[in-house]
């Protein structure tokens, strides 16, 4: 029973981290020169979930409104807002599913304790 709880907690933390990465990308959508991060969820040993972060180095178009001055970043961010928003949907669903798993375990333990009392 603890293995299931540990898996759910691990996945909950991973989905939380993925959501934080998406939020950071969205917050920097208008920051010239910002390169988006990608959080990839992977299965680890014993049912754990691991988050691997990757920097997306793909080029973005130049900002036509950027001033022509030294030390001013002229490349726009490479964050695609539509991609970030749609990517948050499965992350939210995974978070909620693991939260339900933990709640169901809590209810089962409570029922067991009530039965024994």
PDB file of N, CA and C in Angstrom:
ATOM      1  N   UNK A   1       0.827  -1.197   0.000  1.00  0.00           N
ATOM      2  CA  UNK A   1       0.000   0.000   0.000  1.00  0.00           C
ATOM      3  C   UNK A   1       0.868   1.256   0.000  1.00  0.00           C
ATOM      4  N   UNK A   2       2.013   1.235   0.681  1.00  0.00           N
ATOM      5  CA  UNK A   2       2.878   2.408   0.710  1.00  0.00           C
ATOM      6  C   UNK A   2       3.501   2.683  -0.655  1.00  0.00           C
ATOM      7  N   UNK A   3       3.738   1.629  -1.442  1.00  0.00           N
ATOM      8  CA  UNK A   3       4.313   1.830  -2.770  1.00  0.00           C
ATOM      9  C   UNK A   3       3.370   2.650  -3.632  1.00  0.00           C
ATOM     10  N   UNK A   4       2.083   2.357  -3.557  1.00  0.00           N
ATOM     11  CA  UNK A   4       1.089   3.128  -4.309  1.00  0.00           C
ATOM     12  C   UNK A   4       1.054   4.577  -3.873  1.00  0.00           C
ATOM     13  N   UNK A   5       1.158   4.793  -2.570  1.00  0.00           N
ATOM     14  CA  UNK A   5       1.176   6.158  -2.048  1.00  0.00           C
ATOM     15  C   UNK A   5       2.434   6.887  -2.502  1.00  0.00           C
ATOM     16  N   UNK A   6       3.565   6.214  -2.429  1.00  0.00           N
ATOM     17  CA  UNK A   6       4.819   6.844  -2.862  1.00  0.00           C
ATOM     18  C   UNK A   6       4.787   7.187  -4.352  1.00  0.00           C
ATOM     19  N   UNK A   7       4.212   6.310  -5.165  1.00  0.00           N
ATOM     20  CA  UNK A   7       4.096   6.582  -6.601  1.00  0.00           C
ATOM     21  C   UNK A   7       3.213   7.788  -6.857  1.00  0.00           C
ATOM     22  N   UNK A   8       2.086   7.847  -6.141  1.00  0.00           N
ATOM     23  CA  UNK A   8       1.168   8.973  -6.312  1.00  0.00           C
ATOM     24  C   UNK A   8       1.816  10.278  -5.866  1.00  0.00           C
ATOM     25  N   UNK A   9       2.540  10.244  -4.754  1.00  0.00           N
ATOM     26  CA  UNK A   9       3.223  11.453  -4.274  1.00  0.00           C
ATOM     27  C   UNK A   9       4.324  11.886  -5.238  1.00  0.00           C
ATOM     28  N   UNK A  10       5.070  10.924  -5.750  1.00  0.00           N
ATOM     29  CA  UNK A  10       6.122  11.233  -6.712  1.00  0.00           C
ATOM     30  C   UNK A  10       5.545  11.869  -7.969  1.00  0.00           C
ATOM     31  N   UNK A  11       4.463  11.304  -8.453  1.00  0.00           N
ATOM     32  CA  UNK A  11       3.818  11.841  -9.647  1.00  0.00           C
ATOM     33  C   UNK A  11       3.215  13.215  -9.385  1.00  0.00           C
ATOM     34  N   UNK A  12       2.649  13.397  -8.196  1.00  0.00           N
ATOM     35  CA  UNK A  12       2.076  14.693  -7.823  1.00  0.00           C
ATOM     36  C   UNK A  12       3.157  15.777  -7.837  1.00  0.00           C
ATOM     37  N   UNK A  13       4.308  15.461  -7.266  1.00  0.00           N
ATOM     38  CA  UNK A  13       5.432  16.419  -7.254  1.00  0.00           C
ATOM     39  C   UNK A  13       5.928  16.699  -8.671  1.00  0.00           C
ATOM     40  N   UNK A  14       5.976  15.654  -9.502  1.00  0.00           N
ATOM     41  CA  UNK A  14       6.446  15.834 -10.882  1.00  0.00           C
ATOM     42  C   UNK A  14       5.485  16.711 -11.674  1.00  0.00           C
ATOM     43  N   UNK A  15       4.189  16.481 -11.516  1.00  0.00           N
ATOM     44  CA  UNK A  15       3.207  17.302 -12.221  1.00  0.00           C
ATOM     45  C   UNK A  15       3.240  18.749 -11.721  1.00  0.00           C
ATOM     46  N   UNK A  16       3.485  18.924 -10.423  1.00  0.00           N
ATOM     47  CA  UNK A  16       3.620  20.267  -9.871  1.00  0.00           C
ATOM     48  C   UNK A  16       4.817  20.984 -10.496  1.00  0.00           C
ATOM     49  N   UNK A  17       5.928  20.285 -10.642  1.00  0.00           N
ATOM     50  CA  UNK A  17       7.139  20.871 -11.243  1.00  0.00           C
ATOM     51  C   UNK A  17       6.893  21.229 -12.711  1.00  0.00           C
ATOM     52  N   UNK A  18       6.202  20.330 -13.422  1.00  0.00           N
ATOM     53  CA  UNK A  18       5.895  20.584 -14.832  1.00  0.00           C
ATOM     54  C   UNK A  18       5.002  21.817 -14.970  1.00  0.00           C
ATOM     55  N   UNK A  19       4.026  21.962 -14.086  1.00  0.00           N
ATOM     56  CA  UNK A  19       3.141  23.123 -14.123  1.00  0.00           C
ATOM     57  C   UNK A  19       3.924  24.404 -13.832  1.00  0.00           C
ATOM     58  N   UNK A  20       4.891  24.333 -12.906  1.00  0.00           N
ATOM     59  CA  UNK A  20       5.721  25.504 -12.593  1.00  0.00           C
ATOM     60  C   UNK A  20       6.570  25.909 -13.792  1.00  0.00           C
ATOM     61  N   UNK A  21       7.077  24.934 -14.534  1.00  0.00           N
ATOM     62  CA  UNK A  21       7.865  25.228 -15.736  1.00  0.00           C
ATOM     63  C   UNK A  21       6.988  25.906 -16.782  1.00  0.00           C
ATOM     64  N   UNK A  22       5.769  25.384 -16.979  1.00  0.00           N
ATOM     65  CA  UNK A  22       4.839  26.013 -17.922  1.00  0.00           C
ATOM     66  C   UNK A  22       4.521  27.451 -17.502  1.00  0.00           C
ATOM     67  N   UNK A  23       4.293  27.658 -16.211  1.00  0.00           N
ATOM     68  CA  UNK A  23       3.974  28.998 -15.702  1.00  0.00           C
ATOM     69  C   UNK A  23       5.138  29.958 -15.923  1.00  0.00           C
ATOM     70  N   UNK A  24       6.370  29.485 -15.719  1.00  0.00           N
ATOM     71  CA  UNK A  24       7.540  30.334 -15.952  1.00  0.00           C
ATOM     72  C   UNK A  24       7.668  30.696 -17.434  1.00  0.00           C
ATOM     73  N   UNK A  25       7.403  29.734 -18.303  1.00  0.00           N
ATOM     74  CA  UNK A  25       7.451  30.020 -19.739  1.00  0.00           C
ATOM     75  C   UNK A  25       6.409  31.072 -20.115  1.00  0.00           C
ATOM     76  N   UNK A  26       5.205  30.926 -19.590  1.00  0.00           N
ATOM     77  CA  UNK A  26       4.133  31.880 -19.897  1.00  0.00           C
ATOM     78  C   UNK A  26       4.477  33.264 -19.354  1.00  0.00           C
ATOM     79  N   UNK A  27       5.053  33.304 -18.165  1.00  0.00           N
ATOM     80  CA  UNK A  27       5.420  34.593 -17.568  1.00  0.00           C
ATOM     81  C   UNK A  27       6.479  35.324 -18.396  1.00  0.00           C
ATOM     82  N   UNK A  28       7.285  34.582 -19.145  1.00  0.00           N
ATOM     83  CA  UNK A  28       8.373  35.182 -19.925  1.00  0.00           C
ATOM     84  C   UNK A  28       8.089  35.224 -21.422  1.00  0.00           C
ATOM     85  N   UNK A  29       6.833  35.086 -21.802  1.00  0.00           N
ATOM     86  CA  UNK A  29       6.491  35.053 -23.224  1.00  0.00           C
ATOM     87  C   UNK A  29       6.905  36.356 -23.934  1.00  0.00           C
ATOM     88  N   UNK A  30       6.910  37.467 -23.233  1.00  0.00           N
ATOM     89  CA  UNK A  30       7.270  38.752 -23.842  1.00  0.00           C
ATOM     90  C   UNK A  30       8.670  39.228 -23.466  1.00  0.00           C
ATOM     91  N   UNK A  31       9.499  38.332 -22.954  1.00  0.00           N
ATOM     92  CA  UNK A  31      10.870  38.676 -22.580  1.00  0.00           C
ATOM     93  C   UNK A  31      11.795  38.336 -23.741  1.00  0.00           C
ATOM     94  N   UNK A  32      12.330  39.356 -24.370  1.00  0.00           N
ATOM     95  CA  UNK A  32      13.238  39.123 -25.499  1.00  0.00           C
ATOM     96  C   UNK A  32      14.426  38.273 -25.071  1.00  0.00           C
ATOM     97  N   UNK A  33      14.754  37.297 -25.925  1.00  0.00           N
ATOM     98  CA  UNK A  33      15.889  36.434 -25.684  1.00  0.00           C
ATOM     99  C   UNK A  33      15.599  35.248 -24.782  1.00  0.00           C
ATOM    100  N   UNK A  34      14.395  35.174 -24.215  1.00  0.00           N
ATOM    101  CA  UNK A  34      14.069  34.055 -23.324  1.00  0.00           C
ATOM    102  C   UNK A  34      13.903  32.776 -24.128  1.00  0.00           C
ATOM    103  N   UNK A  35      14.513  31.694 -23.651  1.00  0.00           N
ATOM    104  CA  UNK A  35      14.383  30.372 -24.269  1.00  0.00           C
ATOM    105  C   UNK A  35      13.553  29.501 -23.327  1.00  0.00           C
ATOM    106  N   UNK A  36      12.518  28.905 -23.861  1.00  0.00           N
ATOM    107  CA  UNK A  36      11.598  28.137 -23.027  1.00  0.00           C
ATOM    108  C   UNK A  36      12.235  26.851 -22.506  1.00  0.00           C
ATOM    109  N   UNK A  37      11.761  26.441 -21.340  1.00  0.00           N
ATOM    110  CA  UNK A  37      12.149  25.157 -20.767  1.00  0.00           C
ATOM    111  C   UNK A  37      11.064  24.138 -21.085  1.00  0.00           C
ATOM    112  N   UNK A  38      11.470  22.903 -21.208  1.00  0.00           N
ATOM    113  CA  UNK A  38      10.538  21.802 -21.411  1.00  0.00           C
ATOM    114  C   UNK A  38      10.729  20.822 -20.265  1.00  0.00           C
ATOM    115  N   UNK A  39       9.633  20.466 -19.606  1.00  0.00           N
ATOM    116  CA  UNK A  39       9.670  19.471 -18.540  1.00  0.00           C
ATOM    117  C   UNK A  39       9.096  18.176 -19.093  1.00  0.00           C
ATOM    118  N   UNK A  40       9.898  17.136 -19.062  1.00  0.00           N
ATOM    119  CA  UNK A  40       9.481  15.830 -19.580  1.00  0.00           C
ATOM    120  C   UNK A  40       9.360  14.875 -18.406  1.00  0.00           C
ATOM    121  N   UNK A  41       8.185  14.251 -18.262  1.00  0.00           N
ATOM    122  CA  UNK A  41       7.960  13.280 -17.202  1.00  0.00           C
ATOM    123  C   UNK A  41       8.393  11.911 -17.690  1.00  0.00           C
ATOM    124  N   UNK A  42       9.171  11.220 -16.861  1.00  0.00           N
ATOM    125  CA  UNK A  42       9.671   9.899 -17.225  1.00  0.00           C
ATOM    126  C   UNK A  42       9.483   8.951 -16.049  1.00  0.00           C
ATOM    127  N   UNK A  43       9.272   7.694 -16.379  1.00  0.00           N
ATOM    128  CA  UNK A  43       9.141   6.677 -15.339  1.00  0.00           C
ATOM    129  C   UNK A  43      10.518   6.376 -14.761  1.00  0.00           C
ATOM    130  N   UNK A  44      10.581   6.376 -13.445  1.00  0.00           N
ATOM    131  CA  UNK A  44      11.820   6.021 -12.754  1.00  0.00           C
ATOM    132  C   UNK A  44      11.589   4.670 -12.061  1.00  0.00           C
ATOM    133  N   UNK A  45      12.549   4.214 -11.320  1.00  0.00           N
ATOM    134  CA  UNK A  45      12.423   2.928 -10.650  1.00  0.00           C
ATOM    135  C   UNK A  45      11.341   2.908  -9.589  1.00  0.00           C
ATOM    136  N   UNK A  46      10.741   1.758  -9.383  1.00  0.00           N
ATOM    137  CA  UNK A  46       9.754   1.513  -8.336  1.00  0.00           C
ATOM    138  C   UNK A  46       8.518   2.396  -8.453  1.00  0.00           C
ATOM    139  N   UNK A  47       8.104   2.719  -9.657  1.00  0.00           N
ATOM    140  CA  UNK A  47       6.883   3.495  -9.871  1.00  0.00           C
ATOM    141  C   UNK A  47       7.032   4.986  -9.656  1.00  0.00           C
ATOM    142  N   UNK A  48       8.237   5.459  -9.434  1.00  0.00           N
ATOM    143  CA  UNK A  48       8.446   6.898  -9.259  1.00  0.00           C
ATOM    144  C   UNK A  48       8.407   7.605 -10.602  1.00  0.00           C
ATOM    145  N   UNK A  49       8.168   8.900 -10.542  1.00  0.00           N
ATOM    146  CA  UNK A  49       8.138   9.728 -11.746  1.00  0.00           C
ATOM    147  C   UNK A  49       9.248  10.760 -11.618  1.00  0.00           C
ATOM    148  N   UNK A  50      10.035  10.877 -12.679  1.00  0.00           N
ATOM    149  CA  UNK A  50      11.168  11.808 -12.693  1.00  0.00           C
ATOM    150  C   UNK A  50      10.887  12.908 -13.709  1.00  0.00           C
ATOM    151  N   UNK A  51      11.302  14.117 -13.386  1.00  0.00           N
ATOM    152  CA  UNK A  51      11.160  15.259 -14.289  1.00  0.00           C
ATOM    153  C   UNK A  51      12.533  15.588 -14.856  1.00  0.00           C
ATOM    154  N   UNK A  52      12.606  15.627 -16.180  1.00  0.00           N
ATOM    155  CA  UNK A  52      13.836  16.026 -16.849  1.00  0.00           C
ATOM    156  C   UNK A  52      13.581  17.363 -17.523  1.00  0.00           C
ATOM    157  N   UNK A  53      14.423  18.343 -17.231  1.00  0.00           N
ATOM    158  CA  UNK A  53      14.283  19.674 -17.830  1.00  0.00           C
ATOM    159  C   UNK A  53      15.214  19.806 -19.019  1.00  0.00           C
ATOM    160  N   UNK A  54      14.671  20.366 -20.088  1.00  0.00           N
ATOM    161  CA  UNK A  54      15.466  20.625 -21.294  1.00  0.00           C
ATOM    162  C   UNK A  54      15.221  22.065 -21.733  1.00  0.00           C
ATOM    163  N   UNK A  55      16.272  22.716 -22.145  1.00  0.00           N
ATOM    164  CA  UNK A  55      16.163  24.086 -22.661  1.00  0.00           C
ATOM    165  C   UNK A  55      15.935  24.004 -24.160  1.00  0.00           C
ATOM    166  N   UNK A  56      14.892  24.647 -24.639  1.00  0.00           N
ATOM    167  CA  UNK A  56      14.587  24.684 -26.072  1.00  0.00           C
ATOM    168  C   UNK A  56      15.394  25.834 -26.690  1.00  0.00           C
ATOM    169  N   UNK A  57      16.397  25.494 -27.448  1.00  0.00           N
ATOM    170  CA  UNK A  57      17.294  26.498 -28.031  1.00  0.00           C
ATOM    171  C   UNK A  57      16.877  26.922 -29.436  1.00  0.00           C
ATOM    172  N   UNK A  58      15.674  26.577 -29.845  1.00  0.00           N
ATOM    173  CA  UNK A  58      15.252  26.933 -31.205  1.00  0.00           C
ATOM    174  C   UNK A  58      15.202  28.452 -31.358  1.00  0.00           C
ATOM    175  N   UNK A  59      15.560  28.924 -32.528  1.00  0.00           N
ATOM    176  CA  UNK A  59      15.599  30.373 -32.741  1.00  0.00           C
ATOM    177  C   UNK A  59      14.202  30.976 -32.820  1.00  0.00           C
ATOM    178  N   UNK A  60      14.128  32.242 -32.520  1.00  0.00           N
ATOM    179  CA  UNK A  60      12.879  32.995 -32.613  1.00  0.00           C
ATOM    180  C   UNK A  60      13.115  34.182 -33.545  1.00  0.00           C
ATOM    181  N   UNK A  61      12.038  34.756 -34.069  1.00  0.00           N
ATOM    182  CA  UNK A  61      12.224  35.914 -34.950  1.00  0.00           C
ATOM    183  C   UNK A  61      12.757  37.135 -34.188  1.00  0.00           C
ATOM    184  N   UNK A  62      13.279  38.067 -34.931  1.00  0.00           N
ATOM    185  CA  UNK A  62      13.785  39.297 -34.314  1.00  0.00           C
ATOM    186  C   UNK A  62      12.634  40.248 -34.003  1.00  0.00           C
ATOM    187  N   UNK A  63      12.827  41.010 -32.944  1.00  0.00           N
ATOM    188  CA  UNK A  63      11.840  42.005 -32.517  1.00  0.00           C
ATOM    189  C   UNK A  63      12.017  43.261 -33.360  1.00  0.00           C
ATOM    190  N   UNK A  64      11.018  43.602 -34.200  1.00  0.00           N
ATOM    191  CA  UNK A  64      11.165  44.796 -35.037  1.00  0.00           C
ATOM    192  C   UNK A  64      11.127  46.091 -34.235  1.00  0.00           C
ATOM    193  N   UNK A  65      10.637  46.020 -32.990  1.00  0.00           N
ATOM    194  CA  UNK A  65      10.529  47.225 -32.168  1.00  0.00           C
ATOM    195  C   UNK A  65      11.697  47.397 -31.195  1.00  0.00           C
ATOM    196  N   UNK A  66      12.636  46.447 -31.194  1.00  0.00           N
ATOM    197  CA  UNK A  66      13.775  46.543 -30.278  1.00  0.00           C
ATOM    198  C   UNK A  66      14.663  47.713 -30.695  1.00  0.00           C
ATOM    199  N   UNK A  67      15.084  48.508 -29.715  1.00  0.00           N
ATOM    200  CA  UNK A  67      15.948  49.639 -30.054  1.00  0.00           C
ATOM    201  C   UNK A  67      17.308  49.146 -30.559  1.00  0.00           C
ATOM    202  N   UNK A  68      17.874  49.916 -31.452  1.00  0.00           N
ATOM    203  CA  UNK A  68      19.176  49.573 -32.018  1.00  0.00           C
ATOM    204  C   UNK A  68      20.263  50.148 -31.104  1.00  0.00           C
ATOM    205  N   UNK A  69      20.522  49.399 -30.027  1.00  0.00           N
ATOM    206  CA  UNK A  69      21.514  49.844 -29.045  1.00  0.00           C
ATOM    207  C   UNK A  69      22.317  48.622 -28.597  1.00  0.00           C
ATOM    208  N   UNK A  70      23.526  48.851 -28.114  1.00  0.00           N
ATOM    209  CA  UNK A  70      24.321  47.709 -27.631  1.00  0.00           C
ATOM    210  C   UNK A  70      23.676  47.094 -26.385  1.00  0.00           C
ATOM    211  N   UNK A  71      23.886  45.812 -26.208  1.00  0.00           N
ATOM    212  CA  UNK A  71      23.381  45.050 -25.056  1.00  0.00           C
ATOM    213  C   UNK A  71      21.862  44.978 -24.978  1.00  0.00           C
ATOM    214  N   UNK A  72      21.172  45.186 -26.101  1.00  0.00           N
ATOM    215  CA  UNK A  72      19.718  45.034 -26.145  1.00  0.00           C
ATOM    216  C   UNK A  72      19.410  43.790 -26.960  1.00  0.00           C
ATOM    217  N   UNK A  73      18.704  42.861 -26.349  1.00  0.00           N
ATOM    218  CA  UNK A  73      18.349  41.600 -27.018  1.00  0.00           C
ATOM    219  C   UNK A  73      17.314  41.875 -28.097  1.00  0.00           C
ATOM    220  N   UNK A  74      17.630  41.457 -29.308  1.00  0.00           N
ATOM    221  CA  UNK A  74      16.739  41.720 -30.439  1.00  0.00           C
ATOM    222  C   UNK A  74      15.892  40.507 -30.813  1.00  0.00           C
ATOM    223  N   UNK A  75      16.242  39.334 -30.288  1.00  0.00           N
ATOM    224  CA  UNK A  75      15.476  38.129 -30.592  1.00  0.00           C
ATOM    225  C   UNK A  75      14.312  37.994 -29.607  1.00  0.00           C
ATOM    226  N   UNK A  76      13.121  37.717 -30.129  1.00  0.00           N
ATOM    227  CA  UNK A  76      11.958  37.496 -29.288  1.00  0.00           C
ATOM    228  C   UNK A  76      12.112  36.180 -28.519  1.00  0.00           C
ATOM    229  N   UNK A  77      11.228  35.933 -27.574  1.00  0.00           N
ATOM    230  CA  UNK A  77      11.267  34.638 -26.871  1.00  0.00           C
ATOM    231  C   UNK A  77      10.725  33.563 -27.812  1.00  0.00           C
ATOM    232  N   UNK A  78      11.108  32.327 -27.573  1.00  0.00           N
ATOM    233  CA  UNK A  78      10.621  31.242 -28.421  1.00  0.00           C
ATOM    234  C   UNK A  78       9.453  30.494 -27.772  1.00  0.00           C
ATOM    235  N   UNK A  79       8.748  31.152 -26.854  1.00  0.00           N
ATOM    236  CA  UNK A  79       7.598  30.560 -26.180  1.00  0.00           C
ATOM    237  C   UNK A  79       6.370  30.686 -27.073  1.00  0.00           C
ATOM    238  N   UNK A  80       5.724  29.555 -27.311  1.00  0.00           N
ATOM    239  CA  UNK A  80       4.455  29.539 -28.048  1.00  0.00           C
ATOM    240  C   UNK A  80       3.353  29.437 -27.009  1.00  0.00           C
ATOM    241  N   UNK A  81       2.610  30.519 -26.824  1.00  0.00           N
ATOM    242  CA  UNK A  81       1.596  30.586 -25.778  1.00  0.00           C
ATOM    243  C   UNK A  81       0.521  29.512 -25.947  1.00  0.00           C
ATOM    244  N   UNK A  82       0.102  29.256 -27.168  1.00  0.00           N
ATOM    245  CA  UNK A  82      -0.916  28.223 -27.408  1.00  0.00           C
ATOM    246  C   UNK A  82      -0.390  26.847 -27.010  1.00  0.00           C
ATOM    247  N   UNK A  83       0.864  26.574 -27.314  1.00  0.00           N
ATOM    248  CA  UNK A  83       1.468  25.287 -26.953  1.00  0.00           C
ATOM    249  C   UNK A  83       1.570  25.139 -25.439  1.00  0.00           C
ATOM    250  N   UNK A  84       1.947  26.206 -24.765  1.00  0.00           N
ATOM    251  CA  UNK A  84       2.064  26.162 -23.299  1.00  0.00           C
ATOM    252  C   UNK A  84       0.703  25.938 -22.648  1.00  0.00           C
ATOM    253  N   UNK A  85      -0.314  26.639 -23.121  1.00  0.00           N
ATOM    254  CA  UNK A  85      -1.645  26.520 -22.514  1.00  0.00           C
ATOM    255  C   UNK A  85      -2.241  25.133 -22.744  1.00  0.00           C
ATOM    256  N   UNK A  86      -2.094  24.606 -23.951  1.00  0.00           N
ATOM    257  CA  UNK A  86      -2.638  23.265 -24.202  1.00  0.00           C
ATOM    258  C   UNK A  86      -1.814  22.201 -23.493  1.00  0.00           C
ATOM    259  N   UNK A  87      -0.542  22.452 -23.273  1.00  0.00           N
ATOM    260  CA  UNK A  87       0.296  21.513 -22.542  1.00  0.00           C
ATOM    261  C   UNK A  87      -0.051  21.433 -21.058  1.00  0.00           C
ATOM    262  N   UNK A  88      -0.701  22.464 -20.546  1.00  0.00           N
ATOM    263  CA  UNK A  88      -1.085  22.473 -19.141  1.00  0.00           C
ATOM    264  C   UNK A  88      -2.300  21.583 -18.868  1.00  0.00           C
ATOM    265  N   UNK A  89      -3.092  21.285 -19.885  1.00  0.00           N
ATOM    266  CA  UNK A  89      -4.310  20.493 -19.683  1.00  0.00           C
ATOM    267  C   UNK A  89      -3.993  19.079 -19.203  1.00  0.00           C
ATOM    268  N   UNK A  90      -3.135  18.304 -19.903  1.00  0.00           N
ATOM    269  CA  UNK A  90      -2.833  16.968 -19.379  1.00  0.00           C
ATOM    270  C   UNK A  90      -2.078  17.004 -18.055  1.00  0.00           C
ATOM    271  N   UNK A  91      -1.320  18.062 -17.826  1.00  0.00           N
ATOM    272  CA  UNK A  91      -0.610  18.192 -16.553  1.00  0.00           C
ATOM    273  C   UNK A  91      -1.607  18.364 -15.415  1.00  0.00           C
ATOM    274  N   UNK A  92      -2.612  19.192 -15.635  1.00  0.00           N
ATOM    275  CA  UNK A  92      -3.651  19.397 -14.622  1.00  0.00           C
ATOM    276  C   UNK A  92      -4.430  18.107 -14.371  1.00  0.00           C
ATOM    277  N   UNK A  93      -4.744  17.376 -15.426  1.00  0.00           N
ATOM    278  CA  UNK A  93      -5.480  16.119 -15.286  1.00  0.00           C
ATOM    279  C   UNK A  93      -4.647  15.101 -14.511  1.00  0.00           C
ATOM    280  N   UNK A  94      -3.362  14.995 -14.817  1.00  0.00           N
ATOM    281  CA  UNK A  94      -2.481  14.079 -14.094  1.00  0.00           C
ATOM    282  C   UNK A  94      -2.363  14.449 -12.630  1.00  0.00           C
ATOM    283  N   UNK A  95      -2.290  15.738 -12.349  1.00  0.00           N
ATOM    284  CA  UNK A  95      -2.217  16.211 -10.968  1.00  0.00           C
ATOM    285  C   UNK A  95      -3.476  15.805 -10.207  1.00  0.00           C
ATOM    286  N   UNK A  96      -4.637  16.066 -10.818  1.00  0.00           N
ATOM    287  CA  UNK A  96      -5.907  15.739 -10.168  1.00  0.00           C
ATOM    288  C   UNK A  96      -6.074  14.236  -9.975  1.00  0.00           C
ATOM    289  N   UNK A  97      -5.648  13.438 -10.945  1.00  0.00           N
ATOM    290  CA  UNK A  97      -5.779  11.982 -10.837  1.00  0.00           C
ATOM    291  C   UNK A  97      -4.941  11.452  -9.678  1.00  0.00           C
ATOM    292  N   UNK A  98      -3.733  11.949  -9.516  1.00  0.00           N
ATOM    293  CA  UNK A  98      -2.887  11.500  -8.415  1.00  0.00           C
ATOM    294  C   UNK A  98      -3.401  11.994  -7.076  1.00  0.00           C
ATOM    295  N   UNK A  99      -3.988  13.172  -7.060  1.00  0.00           N
ATOM    296  CA  UNK A  99      -4.595  13.685  -5.837  1.00  0.00           C
ATOM    297  C   UNK A  99      -5.772  12.802  -5.423  1.00  0.00           C
ATOM    298  N   UNK A 100      -6.568  12.357  -6.384  1.00  0.00           N
ATOM    299  CA  UNK A 100      -7.685  11.445  -6.101  1.00  0.00           C
ATOM    300  C   UNK A 100      -7.181  10.113  -5.565  1.00  0.00           C
ATOM    301  N   UNK A 101      -6.060   9.634  -6.070  1.00  0.00           N
ATOM    302  CA  UNK A 101      -5.472   8.389  -5.584  1.00  0.00           C
ATOM    303  C   UNK A 101      -5.106   8.513  -4.102  1.00  0.00           C
ATOM    304  N   UNK A 102      -4.520   9.639  -3.748  1.00  0.00           N
ATOM    305  CA  UNK A 102      -4.143   9.869  -2.355  1.00  0.00           C
ATOM    306  C   UNK A 102      -5.385   9.998  -1.482  1.00  0.00           C
ATOM    307  N   UNK A 103      -6.403  10.685  -1.976  1.00  0.00           N
ATOM    308  CA  UNK A 103      -7.644  10.818  -1.216  1.00  0.00           C
ATOM    309  C   UNK A 103      -8.330   9.463  -1.023  1.00  0.00           C
ATOM    310  N   UNK A 104      -8.325   8.620  -2.049  1.00  0.00           N
ATOM    311  CA  UNK A 104      -8.938   7.296  -1.948  1.00  0.00           C
ATOM    312  C   UNK A 104      -8.189   6.444  -0.919  1.00  0.00           C
ATOM    313  N   UNK A 105      -6.874   6.523  -0.909  1.00  0.00           N
ATOM    314  CA  UNK A 105      -6.083   5.788   0.080  1.00  0.00           C
ATOM    315  C   UNK A 105      -6.403   6.266   1.478  1.00  0.00           C
ATOM    316  N   UNK A 106      -6.537   7.573   1.643  1.00  0.00           N
ATOM    317  CA  UNK A 106      -6.871   8.146   2.948  1.00  0.00           C
ATOM    318  C   UNK A 106      -8.234   7.646   3.419  1.00  0.00           C
ATOM    319  N   UNK A 107      -9.197   7.592   2.522  1.00  0.00           N
ATOM    320  CA  UNK A 107     -10.526   7.082   2.869  1.00  0.00           C
ATOM    321  C   UNK A 107     -10.477   5.605   3.245  1.00  0.00           C
ATOM    322  N   UNK A 108      -9.687   4.824   2.513  1.00  0.00           N
ATOM    323  CA  UNK A 108      -9.567   3.385   2.818  1.00  0.00           C
ATOM    324  C   UNK A 108      -8.946   3.172   4.199  1.00  0.00           C
ATOM    325  N   UNK A 109      -7.920   3.919   4.516  1.00  0.00           N
ATOM    326  CA  UNK A 109      -7.283   3.792   5.823  1.00  0.00           C
ATOM    327  C   UNK A 109      -8.263   4.218   6.920  1.00  0.00           C
ATOM    328  N   UNK A 110      -9.012   5.281   6.684  1.00  0.00           N
ATOM    329  CA  UNK A 110     -10.011   5.733   7.655  1.00  0.00           C
ATOM    330  C   UNK A 110     -11.093   4.681   7.878  1.00  0.00           C
ATOM    331  N   UNK A 111     -11.569   4.050   6.798  1.00  0.00           N
ATOM    332  CA  UNK A 111     -12.565   2.989   6.915  1.00  0.00           C
ATOM    333  C   UNK A 111     -12.002   1.801   7.683  1.00  0.00           C
ATOM    334  N   UNK A 112     -10.762   1.448   7.398  1.00  0.00           N
ATOM    335  CA  UNK A 112     -10.125   0.332   8.102  1.00  0.00           C
ATOM    336  C   UNK A 112     -10.008   0.623   9.589  1.00  0.00           C
ATOM    337  N   UNK A 113      -9.598   1.832   9.930  1.00  0.00           N
ATOM    338  CA  UNK A 113      -9.481   2.203  11.348  1.00  0.00           C
ATOM    339  C   UNK A 113     -10.821   2.213  12.039  1.00  0.00           C
ATOM    340  N   UNK A 114     -11.865   2.671  11.352  1.00  0.00           N
ATOM    341  CA  UNK A 114     -13.205   2.666  11.929  1.00  0.00           C
ATOM    342  C   UNK A 114     -13.696   1.242  12.146  1.00  0.00           C
ATOM    343  N   UNK A 115     -13.344   0.338  11.234  1.00  0.00           N
ATOM    344  CA  UNK A 115     -13.744  -1.055  11.358  1.00  0.00           C
ATOM    345  C   UNK A 115     -13.048  -1.714  12.546  1.00  0.00           C
ATOM    346  N   UNK A 116     -11.785  -1.389  12.752  1.00  0.00           N
ATOM    347  CA  UNK A 116     -11.018  -1.977  13.851  1.00  0.00           C
ATOM    348  C   UNK A 116     -11.409  -1.392  15.203  1.00  0.00           C
ATOM    349  N   UNK A 117     -11.934  -0.195  15.232  1.00  0.00           N
ATOM    350  CA  UNK A 117     -12.267   0.485  16.511  1.00  0.00           C
ATOM    351  C   UNK A 117     -13.541   0.027  17.116  1.00  0.00           C
TER     352      UNK A 117
END
